[in-house]
N, C-alpha and C. Protein backbone atom coordinates (compact mmCIF):
# COMPACT_ATOMS: atom_id res chain seq x y z
N UNK A 1 0.77 -1.33 0.23
CA UNK A 1 -0.07 -0.28 -0.50
C UNK A 1 0.77 1.00 0.15
N UNK A 2 0.42 2.32 -0.72
CA UNK A 2 1.20 3.50 -0.75
C UNK A 2 0.73 4.35 0.24
N UNK A 3 1.53 5.10 0.75
CA UNK A 3 1.53 6.28 1.87
C UNK A 3 0.77 7.57 1.34
N UNK A 4 -0.37 8.28 1.88
CA UNK A 4 -1.59 9.08 1.40
C UNK A 4 -0.57 10.49 0.53
N UNK A 5 0.27 10.42 1.14
CA UNK A 5 1.37 11.25 0.87
C UNK A 5 1.76 11.65 -0.51
N UNK A 6 2.17 10.47 -0.97
CA UNK A 6 2.68 10.11 -2.08
C UNK A 6 1.44 9.93 -3.00
N UNK A 7 0.27 9.38 -2.75
CA UNK A 7 -0.77 9.33 -4.04
C UNK A 7 -1.43 10.56 -4.14
N UNK A 8 -1.29 11.48 -3.03
CA UNK A 8 -1.92 12.91 -3.07
C UNK A 8 -0.77 13.81 -4.12
N UNK A 9 0.50 13.57 -4.19
CA UNK A 9 1.42 14.08 -4.30
C UNK A 9 1.78 13.65 -6.24
N UNK A 10 1.21 12.48 -6.64
CA UNK A 10 1.12 12.32 -7.27
C UNK A 10 -0.06 12.61 -8.38
N UNK A 11 -1.17 12.33 -7.76
CA UNK A 11 -2.40 12.95 -8.17
C UNK A 11 -2.41 14.49 -8.51
N UNK A 12 -1.32 15.23 -7.23
CA UNK A 12 -1.40 16.64 -7.98
C UNK A 12 -1.04 16.79 -8.69
N UNK A 13 0.33 16.59 -9.03
CA UNK A 13 1.24 16.20 -10.53
C UNK A 13 0.70 15.73 -11.74
N UNK A 14 0.05 15.02 -11.79
CA UNK A 14 -0.76 15.02 -12.92
C UNK A 14 -1.50 15.63 -13.35
N UNK A 15 -2.37 16.19 -12.33
CA UNK A 15 -3.48 17.46 -12.56
C UNK A 15 -2.58 18.67 -12.99
N UNK A 16 -2.09 19.07 -12.47
CA UNK A 16 -0.78 19.89 -12.97
C UNK A 16 -0.20 19.77 -14.59
N UNK A 17 0.29 18.63 -14.28
CA UNK A 17 0.70 18.14 -16.18
C UNK A 17 -0.77 18.34 -16.94
N UNK A 18 -1.20 17.40 -16.85
CA UNK A 18 -2.54 17.74 -18.04
C UNK A 18 -3.10 19.49 -17.94
N UNK A 19 -3.31 20.10 -16.88
CA UNK A 19 -3.54 21.66 -17.11
C UNK A 19 -2.38 22.12 -18.05
N UNK A 20 -1.40 21.75 -18.00
CA UNK A 20 -0.31 22.01 -18.22
C UNK A 20 -0.05 22.12 -19.95
N UNK A 21 -0.61 21.05 -20.36
CA UNK A 21 -0.84 20.11 -21.60
C UNK A 21 -2.00 20.85 -22.41
N UNK A 22 -3.04 21.15 -21.76
CA UNK A 22 -4.36 21.85 -22.29
C UNK A 22 -3.97 23.16 -22.95
N UNK A 23 -3.20 24.08 -21.16
CA UNK A 23 -3.17 25.07 -21.69
C UNK A 23 -2.14 25.57 -22.56
N UNK A 24 -1.19 24.97 -22.71
CA UNK A 24 -0.23 24.83 -23.98
C UNK A 24 -0.85 25.08 -25.27
N UNK A 25 -2.23 24.46 -25.63
CA UNK A 25 -2.55 24.02 -26.72
C UNK A 25 -3.75 25.56 -26.65
N UNK A 26 -4.57 25.66 -26.11
CA UNK A 26 -5.57 26.23 -25.34
C UNK A 26 -5.66 27.71 -24.92
N UNK A 27 -4.77 28.12 -23.90
CA UNK A 27 -4.33 29.02 -23.43
C UNK A 27 -3.45 30.11 -24.31
N UNK A 28 -2.59 29.07 -24.60
CA UNK A 28 -1.26 30.38 -25.72
C UNK A 28 -1.88 30.55 -27.08
N UNK A 29 -2.90 30.20 -27.75
CA UNK A 29 -3.52 30.63 -28.84
C UNK A 29 -4.31 31.94 -28.62
N UNK A 30 -4.73 32.08 -27.40
CA UNK A 30 -5.38 33.19 -27.16
C UNK A 30 -6.80 33.51 -28.10
N UNK A 31 -7.36 34.64 -28.12
CA UNK A 31 -8.14 35.03 -29.42
C UNK A 31 -7.82 34.52 -31.09
N UNK A 32 -6.82 34.22 -31.53
CA UNK A 32 -6.06 34.04 -32.62
C UNK A 32 -7.22 32.83 -33.17
N UNK A 33 -7.35 32.85 -34.17
CA UNK A 33 -8.15 32.19 -35.04
C UNK A 33 -7.30 30.68 -35.35
N UNK A 34 -8.33 29.86 -35.12
CA UNK A 34 -7.22 28.25 -35.64
C UNK A 34 -7.51 28.63 -37.16
N UNK A 35 -6.00 27.37 -37.51
CA UNK A 35 -6.28 27.19 -38.77
C UNK A 35 -7.34 26.38 -39.20
N UNK A 36 -8.16 26.31 -40.77
CA UNK A 36 -8.86 25.54 -40.83
C UNK A 36 -8.51 24.14 -40.93
N UNK A 37 -7.25 23.31 -40.96
CA UNK A 37 -6.99 21.84 -40.95
C UNK A 37 -6.56 21.89 -39.31
N UNK A 38 -6.45 22.51 -38.78
CA UNK A 38 -6.70 22.14 -37.26
C UNK A 38 -8.70 22.13 -36.89
N UNK A 39 -8.91 22.36 -37.12
CA UNK A 39 -10.39 22.72 -36.97
C UNK A 39 -11.20 21.28 -37.30
N UNK A 40 -10.59 21.20 -38.40
CA UNK A 40 -11.07 19.97 -39.05
C UNK A 40 -10.56 18.70 -38.21
N UNK A 41 -9.43 18.44 -37.53
CA UNK A 41 -8.58 17.85 -37.27
C UNK A 41 -9.59 17.74 -35.77
N UNK A 42 -10.05 18.90 -35.14
CA UNK A 42 -10.34 18.61 -33.78
C UNK A 42 -11.80 17.85 -34.18
N UNK A 43 -12.35 17.60 -34.78
CA UNK A 43 -13.52 17.10 -35.10
C UNK A 43 -14.12 15.87 -34.98
N UNK A 44 -12.37 15.33 -35.17
CA UNK A 44 -12.32 13.67 -34.71
C UNK A 44 -12.03 13.75 -33.66
N UNK A 45 -11.85 14.32 -32.96
CA UNK A 45 -11.51 14.33 -31.23
C UNK A 45 -12.51 13.18 -30.06
N UNK A 46 -13.71 13.41 -30.40
CA UNK A 46 -14.24 12.15 -29.95
C UNK A 46 -14.40 11.05 -30.43
N UNK A 47 -14.09 10.77 -31.80
CA UNK A 47 -14.04 9.56 -32.73
C UNK A 47 -13.06 8.83 -32.26
N UNK A 48 -12.13 9.23 -31.94
CA UNK A 48 -10.43 9.24 -31.64
C UNK A 48 -10.82 8.25 -29.89
N UNK A 49 -11.19 9.47 -28.88
CA UNK A 49 -11.24 9.09 -27.63
C UNK A 49 -12.07 8.08 -26.94
N UNK A 50 -13.49 7.77 -27.51
CA UNK A 50 -14.56 7.00 -27.21
C UNK A 50 -14.57 5.76 -27.60
N UNK A 51 -13.60 5.10 -28.62
CA UNK A 51 -13.26 4.00 -28.85
C UNK A 51 -12.40 3.64 -27.66
N UNK A 52 -11.28 4.22 -27.51
CA UNK A 52 -10.49 3.82 -26.25
C UNK A 52 -11.06 3.87 -25.25
N UNK A 53 -12.27 4.57 -24.74
CA UNK A 53 -12.65 4.31 -23.23
C UNK A 53 -13.79 3.46 -23.37
N UNK A 54 -14.20 3.31 -24.44
CA UNK A 54 -15.83 2.21 -24.22
C UNK A 54 -15.03 0.77 -24.63
N UNK A 55 -14.02 0.10 -25.60
CA UNK A 55 -13.49 -1.26 -26.06
C UNK A 55 -13.30 -1.73 -24.65
N UNK A 56 -12.42 -1.62 -23.77
CA UNK A 56 -12.24 -2.10 -22.77
C UNK A 56 -13.19 -2.16 -21.97
N UNK A 57 -14.71 -1.45 -21.85
CA UNK A 57 -15.36 -1.87 -21.12
C UNK A 57 -16.45 -3.05 -21.83
N UNK A 58 -16.44 -2.83 -22.92
CA UNK A 58 -17.15 -3.97 -23.87
C UNK A 58 -16.75 -5.14 -24.14
N UNK A 59 -14.81 -5.42 -24.28
CA UNK A 59 -14.80 -6.76 -24.25
C UNK A 59 -14.25 -7.03 -22.50
N UNK A 60 -14.50 -6.58 -21.36
CA UNK A 60 -14.19 -7.26 -19.89
C UNK A 60 -15.20 -6.61 -19.24
N UNK A 61 -16.06 -7.18 -18.65
CA UNK A 61 -17.80 -6.99 -17.53
C UNK A 61 -16.34 -6.64 -16.44
N UNK A 62 -17.01 -6.19 -15.37
CA UNK A 62 -16.86 -6.07 -13.97
C UNK A 62 -15.88 -7.43 -13.27
N UNK A 63 -16.36 -8.31 -13.83
CA UNK A 63 -15.82 -9.99 -12.93
C UNK A 63 -14.77 -10.26 -13.96
N UNK A 64 -14.45 -10.05 -15.23
CA UNK A 64 -13.51 -9.80 -16.15
C UNK A 64 -13.70 -10.80 -17.13
N UNK A 65 -15.10 -11.90 -17.19
CA UNK A 65 -15.72 -12.53 -18.24
C UNK A 65 -16.57 -12.00 -18.99
N UNK A 66 -16.38 -12.64 -19.96
CA UNK A 66 -17.00 -12.36 -21.16
C UNK A 66 -18.30 -12.08 -21.32
N UNK A 67 -18.73 -11.15 -21.91
CA UNK A 67 -20.35 -11.07 -22.29
C UNK A 67 -20.52 -10.65 -23.15
N UNK A 68 -21.54 -11.61 -24.55
CA UNK A 68 -21.70 -11.67 -25.38
C UNK A 68 -22.99 -10.68 -25.53
N UNK A 69 -23.69 -10.31 -24.69
CA UNK A 69 -24.67 -9.32 -24.79
C UNK A 69 -23.56 -7.92 -24.57
N UNK A 70 -22.95 -7.76 -24.63
CA UNK A 70 -22.32 -6.42 -24.46
C UNK A 70 -21.61 -5.98 -25.84
N UNK A 71 -21.33 -7.20 -26.20
CA UNK A 71 -20.94 -7.43 -28.26
C UNK A 71 -21.85 -6.77 -28.74
N UNK A 72 -23.07 -7.65 -28.55
CA UNK A 72 -23.97 -7.19 -29.55
C UNK A 72 -24.51 -6.12 -29.42
N UNK A 73 -24.81 -5.59 -28.34
CA UNK A 73 -25.18 -4.02 -28.35
C UNK A 73 -24.08 -3.15 -28.44
N UNK A 74 -22.93 -3.33 -28.56
CA UNK A 74 -21.43 -2.38 -29.22
C UNK A 74 -22.14 -2.83 -30.39
N UNK A 75 -22.00 -3.91 -31.25
CA UNK A 75 -21.91 -3.97 -32.88
C UNK A 75 -23.48 -2.78 -33.14
N UNK A 76 -24.43 -3.53 -32.38
CA UNK A 76 -25.48 -2.91 -32.77
C UNK A 76 -25.41 -0.92 -32.96
N UNK A 77 -24.96 -0.66 -31.91
CA UNK A 77 -24.52 1.04 -31.54
C UNK A 77 -23.64 1.33 -33.27
N UNK A 78 -22.43 0.29 -33.22
CA UNK A 78 -21.76 0.46 -34.77
C UNK A 78 -22.60 0.76 -35.64
N UNK A 79 -23.56 -0.48 -35.94
CA UNK A 79 -24.13 -0.32 -37.25
C UNK A 79 -25.34 1.25 -37.29
N UNK A 80 -26.00 1.22 -36.20
CA UNK A 80 -26.84 2.12 -35.96
C UNK A 80 -26.44 3.61 -35.98
N UNK A 81 -25.14 3.63 -35.66
CA UNK A 81 -24.58 4.97 -35.79
C UNK A 81 -24.11 5.45 -36.77
N UNK A 82 -23.50 4.25 -37.79
CA UNK A 82 -23.10 4.69 -39.23
C UNK A 82 -24.49 4.57 -40.21
N UNK A 83 -25.12 3.86 -39.78
CA UNK A 83 -26.31 4.27 -40.61
C UNK A 83 -27.36 5.88 -40.36
N UNK A 84 -27.34 5.98 -39.07
CA UNK A 84 -27.93 7.17 -39.23
C UNK A 84 -27.36 8.89 -38.62
N UNK A 85 -25.80 7.98 -38.41
CA UNK A 85 -24.92 9.33 -38.20
C UNK A 85 -25.46 10.22 -37.89
N UNK A 86 -26.08 9.57 -36.05
CA UNK A 86 -26.50 10.19 -35.08
C UNK A 86 -25.48 9.43 -33.57
N UNK A 87 -25.13 10.23 -32.89
CA UNK A 87 -24.53 9.92 -31.80
C UNK A 87 -25.56 9.73 -30.97
N UNK A 88 -26.58 10.58 -30.30
CA UNK A 88 -27.54 10.08 -29.72
C UNK A 88 -28.54 8.97 -30.35
N UNK A 89 -28.62 8.83 -31.55
CA UNK A 89 -29.48 7.34 -31.80
C UNK A 89 -29.12 6.37 -31.23
N UNK A 90 -27.66 6.21 -31.43
CA UNK A 90 -26.68 5.10 -31.60
C UNK A 90 -26.87 4.96 -30.25
N UNK A 91 -26.43 5.84 -29.01
CA UNK A 91 -26.14 5.57 -27.40
C UNK A 91 -27.78 5.02 -27.36
N UNK A 92 -28.60 5.86 -27.70
CA UNK A 92 -29.96 5.39 -27.33
C UNK A 92 -30.89 3.96 -27.36
N UNK A 93 -29.88 3.82 -28.70
CA UNK A 93 -29.81 2.19 -29.38
C UNK A 93 -29.57 0.91 -28.75
N UNK A 94 -27.97 1.18 -28.09
CA UNK A 94 -27.36 0.59 -27.91
C UNK A 94 -28.02 0.30 -26.04
N UNK A 95 -28.25 1.31 -25.65
CA UNK A 95 -28.98 1.18 -24.05
C UNK A 95 -30.22 0.01 -24.29
N UNK A 96 -31.17 0.55 -25.32
CA UNK A 96 -32.41 0.10 -25.19
C UNK A 96 -32.28 -1.71 -25.30
N UNK A 97 -31.05 -1.87 -26.67
CA UNK A 97 -30.85 -3.02 -27.20
C UNK A 97 -30.39 -3.92 -25.68
N UNK A 98 -29.64 -3.19 -25.29
CA UNK A 98 -28.17 -3.96 -23.70
C UNK A 98 -29.28 -4.40 -22.61
N UNK A 99 -30.28 -3.52 -22.45
CA UNK A 99 -31.03 -3.54 -21.38
C UNK A 99 -32.18 -4.06 -21.75
N UNK A 100 -32.79 -4.35 -22.93
CA UNK A 100 -33.99 -5.07 -23.61
C UNK A 100 -33.75 -6.29 -23.56
N UNK A 101 -32.28 -7.19 -24.14
CA UNK A 101 -32.00 -8.10 -24.12
C UNK A 101 -31.49 -8.93 -22.60
N UNK A 102 -31.03 -8.00 -21.88
CA UNK A 102 -30.67 -8.62 -20.56
C UNK A 102 -31.93 -8.75 -19.82
N UNK A 103 -32.92 -8.25 -20.38
CA UNK A 103 -34.46 -8.57 -19.54
C UNK A 103 -35.11 -9.91 -19.65
N UNK A 104 -34.53 -9.65 -21.10
CA UNK A 104 -35.53 -11.19 -22.01
C UNK A 104 -34.51 -12.10 -21.19
N UNK A 105 -33.30 -12.28 -21.19
CA UNK A 105 -32.39 -13.45 -20.79
C UNK A 105 -32.58 -13.43 -19.43
């Protein structure tokens, strides 16, 4: 087990580091207009981050076992998201499918 002071020191240093990274991009730009190619790349931030957050949760449940229900809901979210181009519709459909199938099973 780690000492509480050590853990809080790490948390504070990581917070400062995260803030400095964000400030270096957002704070130093100020009121200047971003180039068009940067704005276009920033549109893909959610598309790049969400799979990294969601894939581990889909592939491994809390107890470490594989759940086909999660894979089914994830595939449905992917198909509905591509078909509708709507984040909210795909998330809503995925939730309905996941909880609906879990209630049926």
